[in-house]
Amino acid sequence: MAYRCELCDKKSYAGKQHTHHTGVAGGQWKKRAQTTIRSFKPNLHWISLPMRGVLTRVHACTKCIKRVKFDLKKQEPLPVVSS
């Protein structure tokens, strides 16, 4: 299973990082900072969501979890019928 959000399809991607060296007297670029490739991963969590009337457990990023919670909160509650 890929490390990917099942709602928005957000996934891992590669990027570069480097450390900053202090300059050398008389030539700041004599000792350059080495760049290394690293991976950036989304913040994924397991969450149970109501999908098509059934609670389904999905891998979702925190942005999607926040959006779904807001949408569920915005929906009108069901009317209570008293007998």
Protein backbone atom coordinates (compact mmCIF):
# COMPACT_ATOMS: atom_id res chain seq x y z
CA MET A 1 0.00 0.00 0.00
CA ALA A 2 1.43 3.36 -1.00
CA TYR A 3 1.94 6.18 1.50
CA ARG A 4 -0.86 8.28 0.07
CA CYS A 5 -4.03 10.07 1.22
CA GLU A 6 -7.08 8.18 0.00
CA LEU A 7 -9.21 11.34 -0.22
CA CYS A 8 -7.02 13.92 -1.99
CA ASP A 9 -4.27 11.62 -3.36
CA LYS A 10 -1.49 13.53 -1.58
CA LYS A 11 1.72 11.46 -1.57
CA SER A 12 5.44 11.49 -0.78
CA TYR A 13 7.79 13.46 -3.00
CA ALA A 14 11.53 14.08 -3.16
CA GLY A 15 13.35 17.32 -2.54
CA LYS A 16 16.76 18.65 -1.59
CA GLN A 17 18.18 19.79 1.70
CA HIS A 18 21.54 21.22 2.65
CA THR A 19 23.32 22.58 5.66
CA HIS A 20 24.82 26.06 5.66
CA HIS A 21 28.56 26.21 6.24
CA THR A 22 30.11 29.28 7.78
CA GLY A 23 32.20 31.27 5.35
CA VAL A 24 35.96 30.95 5.09
CA ALA A 25 38.00 34.13 5.38
CA GLY A 26 38.66 35.51 1.92
CA GLY A 27 36.31 33.20 0.03
CA GLN A 28 32.83 32.30 1.17
CA TRP A 29 32.23 29.75 -1.61
CA LYS A 30 35.37 27.62 -1.13
CA LYS A 31 33.48 25.24 1.13
CA ARG A 32 30.02 24.86 -0.33
CA ALA A 33 27.20 23.16 1.51
CA GLN A 34 26.52 19.65 0.25
CA THR A 35 22.98 18.96 -0.93
CA THR A 36 21.32 15.67 -0.18
CA ILE A 37 18.04 14.29 -1.46
CA ARG A 38 15.35 13.72 1.14
CA SER A 39 11.69 12.76 1.04
CA PHE A 40 8.77 14.89 2.18
CA LYS A 41 5.83 12.85 3.45
CA PRO A 42 2.23 13.90 4.18
CA ASN A 43 0.91 13.74 7.73
CA LEU A 44 -1.38 10.70 7.43
CA HIS A 45 -3.72 9.19 10.03
CA TRP A 46 -6.22 6.36 10.09
CA ILE A 47 -9.74 7.75 10.47
CA SER A 48 -13.23 6.27 10.27
CA LEU A 49 -15.51 8.25 7.96
CA PRO A 50 -19.13 7.74 6.99
CA MET A 51 -18.99 6.90 3.27
CA ARG A 52 -22.25 5.95 1.53
CA GLY A 53 -23.88 5.35 4.90
CA VAL A 54 -21.16 2.96 6.15
CA LEU A 55 -18.27 3.78 8.47
CA THR A 56 -15.11 3.19 6.44
CA ARG A 57 -11.55 3.29 7.76
CA VAL A 58 -9.30 5.33 5.45
CA HIS A 59 -5.76 6.73 5.42
CA ALA A 60 -6.27 10.52 5.29
CA CYS A 61 -4.00 13.54 5.59
CA THR A 62 -4.67 16.05 8.35
CA LYS A 63 -5.91 18.68 5.88
CA CYS A 64 -8.62 16.30 4.64
CA ILE A 65 -9.54 15.29 8.20
CA LYS A 66 -10.02 18.95 9.10
CA ARG A 67 -12.12 19.55 5.98
CA VAL A 68 -14.33 16.50 6.59
CA LYS A 69 -14.90 17.43 10.24
CA PHE A 70 -15.91 20.94 9.18
CA ASP A 71 -18.31 19.58 6.54
CA LEU A 72 -19.90 17.15 9.00
CA LYS A 73 -20.29 19.93 11.57
CA LYS A 74 -21.89 22.21 8.97
CA GLN A 75 -24.56 19.66 8.06
CA GLU A 76 -27.90 20.11 9.77
CA PRO A 77 -28.62 17.60 12.52
CA LEU A 78 -31.47 15.16 12.04
CA PRO A 79 -34.75 16.26 13.67
CA VAL A 80 -35.64 14.46 16.89
CA VAL A 81 -39.09 12.86 16.81
CA SER A 82 -40.72 12.50 20.18
CA SER A 83 -43.55 10.04 20.69
